[in-house]
């Protein structure tokens, strides 16, 4: 069974137009394209993309290594520009979600 980061990892995903079919359908990591199994995949949450005027949902997945790195970099980027994280990180909802995503991806 694939694990999930709970909330979507607030990280930049590659543009859907640059991904292979396997990456779009969740069979391969969206970042490194390694083939995934249900036991190794981490669900990144549903996303929406527009194709020729129609909005379609897709469900990206990542490998553990790429997901940890992406969530960690998103957390660092957020913490550097968030006044609430500087004052009291426990009170920042976005920071809490990102820290949880890093912890869950490391499991």
Protein backbone atom coordinates (compact mmCIF):
# COMPACT_ATOMS: atom_id res chain seq x y z
CA UNK A 1 0.00 0.00 0.00
CA UNK A 2 1.34 3.43 -0.88
CA UNK A 3 2.04 5.79 1.94
CA UNK A 4 0.81 9.35 1.82
CA UNK A 5 2.16 12.64 3.04
CA UNK A 6 -1.28 13.51 4.38
CA UNK A 7 -1.45 17.01 2.99
CA UNK A 8 0.00 17.55 -0.42
CA UNK A 9 3.68 18.19 -0.30
CA UNK A 10 3.89 21.91 -0.89
CA UNK A 11 6.73 21.53 -3.28
CA UNK A 12 7.22 22.36 -6.88
CA UNK A 13 6.40 19.44 -9.11
CA UNK A 14 7.73 19.24 -12.64
CA UNK A 15 5.31 20.65 -15.21
CA UNK A 16 2.89 17.90 -16.19
CA UNK A 17 3.69 18.45 -19.88
CA UNK A 18 7.27 17.32 -19.28
CA UNK A 19 6.33 14.05 -17.56
CA UNK A 20 6.06 10.58 -19.05
CA UNK A 21 2.78 8.68 -19.01
CA UNK A 22 4.09 6.52 -16.17
CA UNK A 23 4.85 9.62 -14.09
CA UNK A 24 1.43 11.18 -14.75
CA UNK A 25 -0.44 8.01 -13.79
CA UNK A 26 1.68 7.50 -10.65
CA UNK A 27 3.64 4.49 -11.83
CA UNK A 28 6.93 6.38 -11.67
CA UNK A 29 8.38 9.09 -9.45
CA UNK A 30 7.52 12.57 -10.74
CA UNK A 31 11.07 13.77 -10.06
CA UNK A 32 13.49 10.95 -10.96
CA UNK A 33 11.19 8.66 -13.03
CA UNK A 34 12.13 5.50 -11.08
CA UNK A 35 9.35 2.92 -11.34
CA UNK A 36 7.28 2.67 -8.15
CA UNK A 37 5.49 -0.15 -6.39
CA UNK A 38 2.58 0.34 -4.06
CA UNK A 39 4.92 -0.44 -1.17
CA UNK A 40 7.50 2.20 -2.18
CA UNK A 41 5.32 5.00 -3.56
CA UNK A 42 4.42 8.12 -1.61
CA UNK A 43 1.19 9.77 -2.71
CA UNK A 44 1.64 13.50 -3.16
CA UNK A 45 -2.04 14.39 -3.16
CA UNK A 46 -4.41 15.15 -6.02
CA UNK A 47 -3.52 17.97 -8.38
CA UNK A 48 -5.36 19.68 -11.20
CA UNK A 49 -4.00 20.55 -14.61
CA UNK A 50 -5.59 22.22 -17.59
CA UNK A 51 -5.48 20.53 -21.00
CA UNK A 52 -6.98 22.30 -23.98
CA UNK A 53 -9.48 24.17 -21.82
CA UNK A 54 -10.45 21.17 -19.71
CA UNK A 55 -9.37 20.71 -16.11
CA UNK A 56 -8.20 17.18 -15.28
CA UNK A 57 -7.18 15.70 -11.94
CA UNK A 58 -4.00 13.70 -11.62
CA UNK A 59 -2.42 11.92 -8.69
CA UNK A 60 1.37 12.26 -8.63
CA UNK A 61 3.56 9.97 -6.58
CA UNK A 62 7.20 10.08 -5.63
CA UNK A 63 9.92 7.79 -4.38
CA UNK A 64 10.90 8.17 -0.73
CA UNK A 65 14.26 9.84 -1.46
CA UNK A 66 12.88 12.50 -3.79
CA UNK A 67 9.83 13.18 -1.61
CA UNK A 68 11.95 13.68 1.53
CA UNK A 69 14.28 16.03 -0.35
CA UNK A 70 11.43 18.00 -1.92
CA UNK A 71 9.49 18.35 1.35
CA UNK A 72 12.64 19.36 3.22
CA UNK A 73 13.56 22.01 0.65
CA UNK A 74 9.98 23.35 0.74
CA UNK A 75 10.18 23.54 4.55
CA UNK A 76 13.50 25.41 4.42
CA UNK A 77 12.16 27.85 1.85
CA UNK A 78 9.02 28.46 3.88
CA UNK A 79 10.82 28.91 7.21
CA UNK A 80 13.21 31.49 5.74
CA UNK A 81 10.41 33.86 4.74
CA UNK A 82 7.71 33.17 7.37
CA UNK A 83 7.51 35.64 10.25
CA UNK A 84 5.37 33.23 12.28
CA UNK A 85 7.96 30.44 11.95
CA UNK A 86 10.60 32.86 13.16
CA UNK A 87 8.52 33.84 16.22
CA UNK A 88 6.91 30.52 17.12
CA UNK A 89 7.12 27.65 14.60
CA UNK A 90 4.46 25.65 16.47
CA UNK A 91 1.83 28.26 15.58
CA UNK A 92 2.43 28.22 11.82
CA UNK A 93 -0.01 25.85 10.10
CA UNK A 94 1.93 25.73 6.82
CA UNK A 95 5.17 24.99 8.68
CA UNK A 96 3.46 22.23 10.68
CA UNK A 97 2.16 20.62 7.48
CA UNK A 98 5.61 20.72 5.91
CA UNK A 99 7.32 19.30 9.01
CA UNK A 100 4.72 16.52 9.10
CA UNK A 101 5.30 15.79 5.40
CA UNK A 102 9.06 15.47 6.00
CA UNK A 103 8.51 13.13 8.98
CA UNK A 104 5.99 10.97 7.12
CA UNK A 105 8.16 10.70 4.02
CA UNK A 106 11.11 9.53 6.14
CA UNK A 107 9.16 6.57 7.57
